[in-house]
Amino acid sequence: MLHKFIRKGEGGLPQDCFARCDLVSNIEKQCLDPKGPLGPILSDKFMWEIVKGIRAAIGDNPDL
């Protein structure tokens, strides 16, 4: 539940990977720009899954 699978190509990823929702860190807002250093943004579907995983990791209700 805390590791969210993200398929190759999503957000410009070169391979399948997992978002580790239990390892949240700070990043600068400018890094979230689609043309910024982190590349294209993830689709709403994947972003929502990551949000739910983060909420579960901090003990909040992931069933929004």
Protein backbone atom coordinates (compact mmCIF):
# COMPACT_ATOMS: atom_id res chain seq x y z
CA MET A 1 0.00 0.00 0.00
CA LEU A 2 2.89 2.40 0.64
CA HIS A 3 4.77 1.53 -2.57
CA LYS A 4 2.88 2.64 -5.66
CA PHE A 5 3.77 1.04 -9.01
CA ILE A 6 4.37 3.49 -11.86
CA ARG A 7 4.70 2.07 -15.36
CA LYS A 8 7.44 2.89 -17.84
CA GLY A 9 6.71 6.03 -19.86
CA GLU A 10 4.48 7.64 -17.22
CA GLY A 11 5.92 11.06 -16.41
CA GLY A 12 8.81 10.32 -18.78
CA LEU A 13 10.13 7.38 -16.72
CA PRO A 14 12.56 5.18 -18.66
CA GLN A 15 11.50 2.01 -16.77
CA ASP A 16 8.84 0.65 -14.42
CA CYS A 17 9.36 1.82 -10.84
CA PHE A 18 7.70 2.36 -7.48
CA ALA A 19 6.92 5.58 -5.61
CA ARG A 20 7.91 5.05 -1.97
CA CYS A 21 5.13 6.93 -0.17
CA ASP A 22 6.72 6.17 3.20
CA LEU A 23 9.85 8.16 2.25
CA VAL A 24 8.43 11.65 1.79
CA SER A 25 10.85 14.55 1.45
CA ASN A 26 10.74 18.23 0.55
CA ILE A 27 11.29 19.41 -2.99
CA GLU A 28 11.19 22.90 -4.41
CA LYS A 29 7.98 23.88 -6.18
CA GLN A 30 9.90 24.77 -9.34
CA CYS A 31 10.96 21.11 -9.61
CA LEU A 32 7.31 20.22 -10.22
CA ASP A 33 7.21 22.24 -13.44
CA PRO A 34 6.75 19.81 -16.39
CA LYS A 35 9.76 21.43 -18.05
CA GLY A 36 11.81 21.34 -14.85
CA PRO A 37 14.52 18.94 -13.69
CA LEU A 38 12.09 16.15 -12.77
CA GLY A 39 10.59 15.97 -16.26
CA PRO A 40 6.93 15.57 -17.26
CA ILE A 41 4.31 15.29 -14.55
CA LEU A 42 2.49 12.08 -13.74
CA SER A 43 -1.13 11.63 -14.77
CA ASP A 44 -3.86 12.44 -12.26
CA LYS A 45 -4.44 8.70 -11.74
CA PHE A 46 -0.88 8.10 -10.52
CA MET A 47 -0.69 11.33 -8.53
CA TRP A 48 -3.90 10.42 -6.71
CA GLU A 49 -2.50 6.96 -5.83
CA ILE A 50 0.65 8.58 -4.44
CA VAL A 51 -1.41 11.07 -2.39
CA LYS A 52 -3.39 8.17 -0.90
CA GLY A 53 -0.16 6.32 -0.12
CA ILE A 54 1.34 9.35 1.62
CA ARG A 55 -1.85 9.82 3.64
CA ALA A 56 -1.69 6.16 4.69
CA ALA A 57 1.99 6.55 5.66
CA ILE A 58 1.21 9.45 8.00
CA GLY A 59 -1.79 7.69 9.53
CA ASP A 60 -4.46 9.72 7.77
CA ASN A 61 -7.46 8.10 6.09
CA PRO A 62 -6.33 7.19 2.52
CA ASP A 63 -9.94 6.64 1.43
CA LEU A 64 -10.67 10.26 0.59
